[in-house]
Structure formats: C-alpha cells, structure tokens
Amino acid sequence: MNAIVIEHVPVADLPAEWRARLTQPVHATVTVRIEEATHTTAPEDGFVTDDPAFGIWRDRQDMQDVEEHVRQLRAPRYNRDGSRNQP
C-alpha cells in the first residue's frame, strides 16, 4: 500500500470538506495521510456508467456494423485523382 504523509499542516490550509470533519480549531496543525484507493472488482456485465449520454446511439440502425461506419468516417472525401469519393 502506498501512502503520502504530510505533517504539521495548518487546519486552515485544508480543503473545506476536510475541515468540516475535524474537531480541531482552525489555528491547530494536523498530520495528513493519503492512502492509495482500494480497487473494486469490475461489474459482472463488464461496464457500468451513470452518464446519461453513454449509449445514446446504441439503437441507430445505420451503425450496426461499427467498424464499417468508422471506416467510412475516416475515408478521404476525395480520391488521389481529385474525383469525389462516394459517400
């Protein structure tokens, strides 16, 4: 486990959320220990997000073959001879 320890930190220099948890006066000093977060196991279905924008295109019929869709997006608009590439 990795940890960072900072001694003699004035309470007044701490973030407001941290100060709210302490009972020491503002002029006191404290020791701050920051430990590495423990890793949680991945969800059973592989991926979970609470972002409402995630998956908004999942029902689009024109994107059923994602690899082909991306290949078309990356294709140049014009061919080497200057003719227009088919959309």
PDB file of N, CA and C in Angstrom:
ATOM      1  N   MET A   1       0.848  -1.177   0.000  1.00  0.00           N
ATOM      2  CA  MET A   1       0.000   0.000   0.000  1.00  0.00           C
ATOM      3  C   MET A   1       0.890   1.236   0.000  1.00  0.00           C
ATOM      4  N   ASN A   2       0.591   2.170  -0.861  1.00  0.00           N
ATOM      5  CA  ASN A   2       1.320   3.427  -0.910  1.00  0.00           C
ATOM      6  C   ASN A   2       0.550   4.481  -0.136  1.00  0.00           C
ATOM      7  N   ALA A   3       1.284   5.333   0.553  1.00  0.00           N
ATOM      8  CA  ALA A   3       0.653   6.408   1.314  1.00  0.00           C
ATOM      9  C   ALA A   3       1.563   7.618   1.312  1.00  0.00           C
ATOM     10  N   ILE A   4       0.948   8.781   1.358  1.00  0.00           N
ATOM     11  CA  ILE A   4       1.672  10.044   1.490  1.00  0.00           C
ATOM     12  C   ILE A   4       1.321  10.605   2.862  1.00  0.00           C
ATOM     13  N   VAL A   5       2.336  10.995   3.625  1.00  0.00           N
ATOM     14  CA  VAL A   5       2.117  11.559   4.950  1.00  0.00           C
ATOM     15  C   VAL A   5       2.707  12.962   4.971  1.00  0.00           C
ATOM     16  N   ILE A   6       1.897  13.943   5.337  1.00  0.00           N
ATOM     17  CA  ILE A   6       2.331  15.336   5.437  1.00  0.00           C
ATOM     18  C   ILE A   6       2.064  15.774   6.870  1.00  0.00           C
ATOM     19  N   GLU A   7       3.126  16.168   7.561  1.00  0.00           N
ATOM     20  CA  GLU A   7       2.988  16.554   8.967  1.00  0.00           C
ATOM     21  C   GLU A   7       2.916  18.065   9.122  1.00  0.00           C
ATOM     22  N   HIS A   8       2.325  18.496  10.223  1.00  0.00           N
ATOM     23  CA  HIS A   8       2.239  19.903  10.626  1.00  0.00           C
ATOM     24  C   HIS A   8       1.511  20.768   9.596  1.00  0.00           C
ATOM     25  N   VAL A   9       0.398  20.280   9.102  1.00  0.00           N
ATOM     26  CA  VAL A   9      -0.413  21.033   8.137  1.00  0.00           C
ATOM     27  C   VAL A   9      -1.422  21.868   8.921  1.00  0.00           C
ATOM     28  N   PRO A  10      -1.437  23.183   8.722  1.00  0.00           N
ATOM     29  CA  PRO A  10      -2.436  24.005   9.406  1.00  0.00           C
ATOM     30  C   PRO A  10      -3.843  23.619   8.958  1.00  0.00           C
ATOM     31  N   VAL A  11      -4.751  23.520   9.913  1.00  0.00           N
ATOM     32  CA  VAL A  11      -6.134  23.163   9.604  1.00  0.00           C
ATOM     33  C   VAL A  11      -6.726  24.172   8.619  1.00  0.00           C
ATOM     34  N   ALA A  12      -6.337  25.420   8.725  1.00  0.00           N
ATOM     35  CA  ALA A  12      -6.851  26.462   7.835  1.00  0.00           C
ATOM     36  C   ALA A  12      -6.461  26.212   6.379  1.00  0.00           C
ATOM     37  N   ASP A  13      -5.383  25.451   6.124  1.00  0.00           N
ATOM     38  CA  ASP A  13      -4.932  25.179   4.758  1.00  0.00           C
ATOM     39  C   ASP A  13      -5.619  23.970   4.130  1.00  0.00           C
ATOM     40  N   LEU A  14      -6.394  23.250   4.901  1.00  0.00           N
ATOM     41  CA  LEU A  14      -7.073  22.066   4.389  1.00  0.00           C
ATOM     42  C   LEU A  14      -8.297  22.459   3.565  1.00  0.00           C
ATOM     43  N   PRO A  15      -8.730  21.606   2.628  1.00  0.00           N
ATOM     44  CA  PRO A  15      -9.975  21.871   1.898  1.00  0.00           C
ATOM     45  C   PRO A  15     -11.151  21.956   2.870  1.00  0.00           C
ATOM     46  N   ALA A  16     -12.149  22.707   2.502  1.00  0.00           N
ATOM     47  CA  ALA A  16     -13.307  22.938   3.374  1.00  0.00           C
ATOM     48  C   ALA A  16     -13.988  21.631   3.785  1.00  0.00           C
ATOM     49  N   GLU A  17     -14.053  20.660   2.850  1.00  0.00           N
ATOM     50  CA  GLU A  17     -14.698  19.379   3.169  1.00  0.00           C
ATOM     51  C   GLU A  17     -13.947  18.645   4.275  1.00  0.00           C
ATOM     52  N   TRP A  18     -12.618  18.747   4.246  1.00  0.00           N
ATOM     53  CA  TRP A  18     -11.802  18.088   5.277  1.00  0.00           C
ATOM     54  C   TRP A  18     -11.957  18.813   6.604  1.00  0.00           C
ATOM     55  N   ARG A  19     -11.929  20.155   6.572  1.00  0.00           N
ATOM     56  CA  ARG A  19     -12.051  20.941   7.818  1.00  0.00           C
ATOM     57  C   ARG A  19     -13.370  20.645   8.515  1.00  0.00           C
ATOM     58  N   ALA A  20     -14.421  20.428   7.740  1.00  0.00           N
ATOM     59  CA  ALA A  20     -15.746  20.182   8.325  1.00  0.00           C
ATOM     60  C   ALA A  20     -15.767  18.887   9.135  1.00  0.00           C
ATOM     61  N   ARG A  21     -14.882  17.943   8.826  1.00  0.00           N
ATOM     62  CA  ARG A  21     -14.846  16.665   9.536  1.00  0.00           C
ATOM     63  C   ARG A  21     -14.018  16.725  10.822  1.00  0.00           C
ATOM     64  N   LEU A  22     -13.228  17.783  10.996  1.00  0.00           N
ATOM     65  CA  LEU A  22     -12.317  17.854  12.129  1.00  0.00           C
ATOM     66  C   LEU A  22     -12.932  18.607  13.300  1.00  0.00           C
ATOM     67  N   THR A  23     -12.432  18.282  14.497  1.00  0.00           N
ATOM     68  CA  THR A  23     -12.875  18.994  15.699  1.00  0.00           C
ATOM     69  C   THR A  23     -11.814  19.973  16.194  1.00  0.00           C
ATOM     70  N   GLN A  24     -10.618  19.958  15.556  1.00  0.00           N
ATOM     71  CA  GLN A  24      -9.546  20.850  15.973  1.00  0.00           C
ATOM     72  C   GLN A  24      -9.858  22.284  15.543  1.00  0.00           C
ATOM     73  N   PRO A  25      -9.342  23.259  16.317  1.00  0.00           N
ATOM     74  CA  PRO A  25      -9.541  24.661  15.934  1.00  0.00           C
ATOM     75  C   PRO A  25      -8.750  24.994  14.659  1.00  0.00           C
ATOM     76  N   VAL A  26      -9.115  26.075  13.995  1.00  0.00           N
ATOM     77  CA  VAL A  26      -8.512  26.465  12.721  1.00  0.00           C
ATOM     78  C   VAL A  26      -7.012  26.725  12.851  1.00  0.00           C
ATOM     79  N   HIS A  27      -6.550  27.194  13.991  1.00  0.00           N
ATOM     80  CA  HIS A  27      -5.130  27.518  14.156  1.00  0.00           C
ATOM     81  C   HIS A  27      -4.279  26.297  14.519  1.00  0.00           C
ATOM     82  N   ALA A  28      -4.887  25.129  14.706  1.00  0.00           N
ATOM     83  CA  ALA A  28      -4.151  23.906  15.049  1.00  0.00           C
ATOM     84  C   ALA A  28      -3.453  23.336  13.813  1.00  0.00           C
ATOM     85  N   THR A  29      -2.521  22.418  14.026  1.00  0.00           N
ATOM     86  CA  THR A  29      -1.868  21.705  12.929  1.00  0.00           C
ATOM     87  C   THR A  29      -2.202  20.219  13.047  1.00  0.00           C
ATOM     88  N   VAL A  30      -2.237  19.554  11.906  1.00  0.00           N
ATOM     89  CA  VAL A  30      -2.584  18.137  11.866  1.00  0.00           C
ATOM     90  C   VAL A  30      -1.613  17.401  10.947  1.00  0.00           C
ATOM     91  N   THR A  31      -1.653  16.083  11.016  1.00  0.00           N
ATOM     92  CA  THR A  31      -0.907  15.238  10.098  1.00  0.00           C
ATOM     93  C   THR A  31      -1.898  14.644   9.112  1.00  0.00           C
ATOM     94  N   VAL A  32      -1.597  14.788   7.834  1.00  0.00           N
ATOM     95  CA  VAL A  32      -2.478  14.300   6.779  1.00  0.00           C
ATOM     96  C   VAL A  32      -1.859  13.041   6.191  1.00  0.00           C
ATOM     97  N   ARG A  33      -2.656  11.988   6.106  1.00  0.00           N
ATOM     98  CA  ARG A  33      -2.215  10.727   5.493  1.00  0.00           C
ATOM     99  C   ARG A  33      -3.167  10.418   4.354  1.00  0.00           C
ATOM    100  N   ILE A  34      -2.617  10.304   3.148  1.00  0.00           N
ATOM    101  CA  ILE A  34      -3.416   9.999   1.968  1.00  0.00           C
ATOM    102  C   ILE A  34      -2.992   8.622   1.483  1.00  0.00           C
ATOM    103  N   GLU A  35      -3.922   7.692   1.519  1.00  0.00           N
ATOM    104  CA  GLU A  35      -3.627   6.319   1.129  1.00  0.00           C
ATOM    105  C   GLU A  35      -4.177   6.026  -0.263  1.00  0.00           C
ATOM    106  N   GLU A  36      -3.553   5.064  -0.908  1.00  0.00           N
ATOM    107  CA  GLU A  36      -3.994   4.637  -2.227  1.00  0.00           C
ATOM    108  C   GLU A  36      -5.386   4.015  -2.115  1.00  0.00           C
ATOM    109  N   ALA A  37      -6.256   4.367  -3.043  1.00  0.00           N
ATOM    110  CA  ALA A  37      -7.609   3.831  -3.023  1.00  0.00           C
ATOM    111  C   ALA A  37      -7.586   2.344  -3.335  1.00  0.00           C
ATOM    112  N   THR A  38      -8.445   1.608  -2.675  1.00  0.00           N
ATOM    113  CA  THR A  38      -8.540   0.177  -2.960  1.00  0.00           C
ATOM    114  C   THR A  38      -9.329  -0.005  -4.241  1.00  0.00           C
ATOM    115  N   HIS A  39      -8.936  -0.980  -5.037  1.00  0.00           N
ATOM    116  CA  HIS A  39      -9.600  -1.235  -6.306  1.00  0.00           C
ATOM    117  C   HIS A  39     -10.786  -2.163  -6.081  1.00  0.00           C
ATOM    118  N   THR A  40     -11.897  -1.775  -6.670  1.00  0.00           N
ATOM    119  CA  THR A  40     -13.078  -2.618  -6.578  1.00  0.00           C
ATOM    120  C   THR A  40     -13.112  -3.561  -7.776  1.00  0.00           C
ATOM    121  N   THR A  41     -13.848  -4.622  -7.644  1.00  0.00           N
ATOM    122  CA  THR A  41     -13.950  -5.576  -8.740  1.00  0.00           C
ATOM    123  C   THR A  41     -14.866  -5.023  -9.828  1.00  0.00           C
ATOM    124  N   ALA A  42     -14.639  -5.434 -11.048  1.00  0.00           N
ATOM    125  CA  ALA A  42     -15.445  -4.982 -12.175  1.00  0.00           C
ATOM    126  C   ALA A  42     -16.845  -5.577 -12.075  1.00  0.00           C
ATOM    127  N   PRO A  43     -17.834  -4.849 -12.548  1.00  0.00           N
ATOM    128  CA  PRO A  43     -19.191  -5.388 -12.537  1.00  0.00           C
ATOM    129  C   PRO A  43     -19.283  -6.635 -13.404  1.00  0.00           C
ATOM    130  N   GLU A  44     -20.270  -7.472 -13.138  1.00  0.00           N
ATOM    131  CA  GLU A  44     -20.411  -8.730 -13.851  1.00  0.00           C
ATOM    132  C   GLU A  44     -20.639  -8.532 -15.345  1.00  0.00           C
ATOM    133  N   ASP A  45     -21.357  -7.487 -15.725  1.00  0.00           N
ATOM    134  CA  ASP A  45     -21.631  -7.286 -17.146  1.00  0.00           C
ATOM    135  C   ASP A  45     -20.485  -6.564 -17.853  1.00  0.00           C
ATOM    136  N   GLY A  46     -19.426  -6.214 -17.141  1.00  0.00           N
ATOM    137  CA  GLY A  46     -18.232  -5.663 -17.759  1.00  0.00           C
ATOM    138  C   GLY A  46     -18.076  -4.160 -17.666  1.00  0.00           C
ATOM    139  N   PHE A  47     -19.155  -3.395 -17.754  1.00  0.00           N
ATOM    140  CA  PHE A  47     -19.023  -1.948 -17.739  1.00  0.00           C
ATOM    141  C   PHE A  47     -20.313  -1.329 -17.231  1.00  0.00           C
ATOM    142  N   VAL A  48     -20.177  -0.341 -16.356  1.00  0.00           N
ATOM    143  CA  VAL A  48     -21.345   0.361 -15.830  1.00  0.00           C
ATOM    144  C   VAL A  48     -21.006   1.842 -15.761  1.00  0.00           C
ATOM    145  N   THR A  49     -21.934   2.671 -16.179  1.00  0.00           N
ATOM    146  CA  THR A  49     -21.760   4.113 -16.049  1.00  0.00           C
ATOM    147  C   THR A  49     -23.101   4.741 -15.717  1.00  0.00           C
ATOM    148  N   ASP A  50     -23.053   5.861 -15.042  1.00  0.00           N
ATOM    149  CA  ASP A  50     -24.283   6.591 -14.759  1.00  0.00           C
ATOM    150  C   ASP A  50     -24.404   7.826 -15.645  1.00  0.00           C
ATOM    151  N   ASP A  51     -23.530   7.926 -16.660  1.00  0.00           N
ATOM    152  CA  ASP A  51     -23.560   9.044 -17.587  1.00  0.00           C
ATOM    153  C   ASP A  51     -24.749   8.872 -18.533  1.00  0.00           C
ATOM    154  N   PRO A  52     -25.704   9.815 -18.538  1.00  0.00           N
ATOM    155  CA  PRO A  52     -26.885   9.654 -19.387  1.00  0.00           C
ATOM    156  C   PRO A  52     -26.571   9.705 -20.873  1.00  0.00           C
ATOM    157  N   ALA A  53     -25.437  10.281 -21.270  1.00  0.00           N
ATOM    158  CA  ALA A  53     -25.083  10.362 -22.685  1.00  0.00           C
ATOM    159  C   ALA A  53     -24.493   9.059 -23.208  1.00  0.00           C
ATOM    160  N   PHE A  54     -24.073   8.179 -22.327  1.00  0.00           N
ATOM    161  CA  PHE A  54     -23.460   6.932 -22.770  1.00  0.00           C
ATOM    162  C   PHE A  54     -24.516   6.024 -23.396  1.00  0.00           C
ATOM    163  N   GLY A  55     -24.259   5.588 -24.612  1.00  0.00           N
ATOM    164  CA  GLY A  55     -25.154   4.664 -25.282  1.00  0.00           C
ATOM    165  C   GLY A  55     -26.310   5.300 -26.015  1.00  0.00           C
ATOM    166  N   ILE A  56     -26.270   6.613 -26.235  1.00  0.00           N
ATOM    167  CA  ILE A  56     -27.422   7.260 -26.878  1.00  0.00           C
ATOM    168  C   ILE A  56     -27.569   6.848 -28.334  1.00  0.00           C
ATOM    169  N   TRP A  57     -26.523   6.301 -28.957  1.00  0.00           N
ATOM    170  CA  TRP A  57     -26.605   5.881 -30.352  1.00  0.00           C
ATOM    171  C   TRP A  57     -26.742   4.369 -30.488  1.00  0.00           C
ATOM    172  N   ARG A  58     -26.962   3.658 -29.432  1.00  0.00           N
ATOM    173  CA  ARG A  58     -26.965   2.196 -29.489  1.00  0.00           C
ATOM    174  C   ARG A  58     -28.076   1.640 -30.378  1.00  0.00           C
ATOM    175  N   ASP A  59     -29.169   2.359 -30.571  1.00  0.00           N
ATOM    176  CA  ASP A  59     -30.292   1.870 -31.358  1.00  0.00           C
ATOM    177  C   ASP A  59     -30.265   2.330 -32.814  1.00  0.00           C
ATOM    178  N   ARG A  60     -29.210   3.011 -33.235  1.00  0.00           N
ATOM    179  CA  ARG A  60     -29.145   3.501 -34.613  1.00  0.00           C
ATOM    180  C   ARG A  60     -28.885   2.347 -35.569  1.00  0.00           C
ATOM    181  N   GLN A  61     -29.778   2.201 -36.532  1.00  0.00           N
ATOM    182  CA  GLN A  61     -29.674   1.111 -37.490  1.00  0.00           C
ATOM    183  C   GLN A  61     -28.498   1.285 -38.445  1.00  0.00           C
ATOM    184  N   ASP A  62     -28.115   2.538 -38.758  1.00  0.00           N
ATOM    185  CA  ASP A  62     -27.011   2.767 -39.690  1.00  0.00           C
ATOM    186  C   ASP A  62     -25.651   2.494 -39.066  1.00  0.00           C
ATOM    187  N   MET A  63     -25.600   2.166 -37.806  1.00  0.00           N
ATOM    188  CA  MET A  63     -24.330   1.910 -37.135  1.00  0.00           C
ATOM    189  C   MET A  63     -24.269   0.494 -36.555  1.00  0.00           C
ATOM    190  N   GLN A  64     -24.975  -0.430 -37.142  1.00  0.00           N
ATOM    191  CA  GLN A  64     -24.927  -1.798 -36.651  1.00  0.00           C
ATOM    192  C   GLN A  64     -23.540  -2.394 -36.826  1.00  0.00           C
ATOM    193  N   ASP A  65     -22.882  -2.083 -37.960  1.00  0.00           N
ATOM    194  CA  ASP A  65     -21.511  -2.525 -38.190  1.00  0.00           C
ATOM    195  C   ASP A  65     -20.599  -1.344 -37.855  1.00  0.00           C
ATOM    196  N   VAL A  66     -20.146  -1.276 -36.638  1.00  0.00           N
ATOM    197  CA  VAL A  66     -19.372  -0.128 -36.154  1.00  0.00           C
ATOM    198  C   VAL A  66     -18.078   0.031 -36.930  1.00  0.00           C
ATOM    199  N   GLU A  67     -17.384  -1.062 -37.205  1.00  0.00           N
ATOM    200  CA  GLU A  67     -16.108  -0.979 -37.919  1.00  0.00           C
ATOM    201  C   GLU A  67     -16.287  -0.368 -39.307  1.00  0.00           C
ATOM    202  N   GLU A  68     -17.338  -0.759 -40.017  1.00  0.00           N
ATOM    203  CA  GLU A  68     -17.594  -0.196 -41.345  1.00  0.00           C
ATOM    204  C   GLU A  68     -17.948   1.278 -41.242  1.00  0.00           C
ATOM    205  N   HIS A  69     -18.739   1.642 -40.261  1.00  0.00           N
ATOM    206  CA  HIS A  69     -19.123   3.045 -40.076  1.00  0.00           C
ATOM    207  C   HIS A  69     -17.888   3.912 -39.823  1.00  0.00           C
ATOM    208  N   VAL A  70     -17.004   3.471 -38.958  1.00  0.00           N
ATOM    209  CA  VAL A  70     -15.790   4.235 -38.662  1.00  0.00           C
ATOM    210  C   VAL A  70     -14.891   4.288 -39.899  1.00  0.00           C
ATOM    211  N   ARG A  71     -14.816   3.209 -40.651  1.00  0.00           N
ATOM    212  CA  ARG A  71     -14.010   3.182 -41.874  1.00  0.00           C
ATOM    213  C   ARG A  71     -14.525   4.236 -42.854  1.00  0.00           C
ATOM    214  N   GLN A  72     -15.844   4.375 -42.962  1.00  0.00           N
ATOM    215  CA  GLN A  72     -16.420   5.392 -43.839  1.00  0.00           C
ATOM    216  C   GLN A  72     -16.140   6.802 -43.327  1.00  0.00           C
ATOM    217  N   LEU A  73     -16.193   6.993 -42.020  1.00  0.00           N
ATOM    218  CA  LEU A  73     -15.890   8.310 -41.459  1.00  0.00           C
ATOM    219  C   LEU A  73     -14.452   8.722 -41.728  1.00  0.00           C
ATOM    220  N   ARG A  74     -13.548   7.760 -41.690  1.00  0.00           N
ATOM    221  CA  ARG A  74     -12.133   8.047 -41.862  1.00  0.00           C
ATOM    222  C   ARG A  74     -11.705   8.127 -43.328  1.00  0.00           C
ATOM    223  N   ALA A  75     -12.566   7.682 -44.217  1.00  0.00           N
ATOM    224  CA  ALA A  75     -12.221   7.694 -45.639  1.00  0.00           C
ATOM    225  C   ALA A  75     -12.068   9.146 -46.110  1.00  0.00           C
ATOM    226  N   PRO A  76     -11.114   9.396 -47.010  1.00  0.00           N
ATOM    227  CA  PRO A  76     -10.954  10.763 -47.522  1.00  0.00           C
ATOM    228  C   PRO A  76     -12.145  11.164 -48.390  1.00  0.00           C
ATOM    229  N   ARG A  77     -12.416  12.451 -48.489  1.00  0.00           N
ATOM    230  CA  ARG A  77     -13.530  12.933 -49.301  1.00  0.00           C
ATOM    231  C   ARG A  77     -13.215  12.863 -50.785  1.00  0.00           C
ATOM    232  N   TYR A  78     -11.950  12.975 -51.099  1.00  0.00           N
ATOM    233  CA  TYR A  78     -11.544  12.975 -52.498  1.00  0.00           C
ATOM    234  C   TYR A  78     -10.509  11.889 -52.737  1.00  0.00           C
ATOM    235  N   ASN A  79     -10.546  11.311 -53.926  1.00  0.00           N
ATOM    236  CA  ASN A  79      -9.551  10.323 -54.330  1.00  0.00           C
ATOM    237  C   ASN A  79      -8.271  11.042 -54.756  1.00  0.00           C
ATOM    238  N   ARG A  80      -7.210  10.291 -54.943  1.00  0.00           N
ATOM    239  CA  ARG A  80      -5.921  10.877 -55.344  1.00  0.00           C
ATOM    240  C   ARG A  80      -6.013  11.627 -56.674  1.00  0.00           C
ATOM    241  N   ASP A  81      -6.910  11.187 -57.550  1.00  0.00           N
ATOM    242  CA  ASP A  81      -7.023  11.851 -58.852  1.00  0.00           C
ATOM    243  C   ASP A  81      -7.904  13.099 -58.809  1.00  0.00           C
ATOM    244  N   GLY A  82      -8.420  13.454 -57.640  1.00  0.00           N
ATOM    245  CA  GLY A  82      -9.230  14.652 -57.486  1.00  0.00           C
ATOM    246  C   GLY A  82     -10.722  14.410 -57.609  1.00  0.00           C
ATOM    247  N   SER A  83     -11.119  13.202 -57.970  1.00  0.00           N
ATOM    248  CA  SER A  83     -12.550  12.899 -58.072  1.00  0.00           C
ATOM    249  C   SER A  83     -13.128  12.709 -56.680  1.00  0.00           C
ATOM    250  N   ARG A  84     -14.412  13.015 -56.579  1.00  0.00           N
ATOM    251  CA  ARG A  84     -15.098  12.918 -55.290  1.00  0.00           C
ATOM    252  C   ARG A  84     -15.287  11.463 -54.902  1.00  0.00           C
ATOM    253  N   ASN A  85     -14.986  11.140 -53.669  1.00  0.00           N
ATOM    254  CA  ASN A  85     -15.188   9.799 -53.143  1.00  0.00           C
ATOM    255  C   ASN A  85     -16.678   9.612 -52.859  1.00  0.00           C
ATOM    256  N   GLN A  86     -17.201   8.433 -53.131  1.00  0.00           N
ATOM    257  CA  GLN A  86     -18.625   8.173 -52.907  1.00  0.00           C
ATOM    258  C   GLN A  86     -18.936   8.191 -51.414  1.00  0.00           C
ATOM    259  N   PRO A  87     -20.015   8.891 -51.008  1.00  0.00           N
ATOM    260  CA  PRO A  87     -20.362   8.940 -49.573  1.00  0.00           C
ATOM    261  C   PRO A  87     -20.852   7.640 -49.037  1.00  0.00           C
TER     262      PRO A  87
END
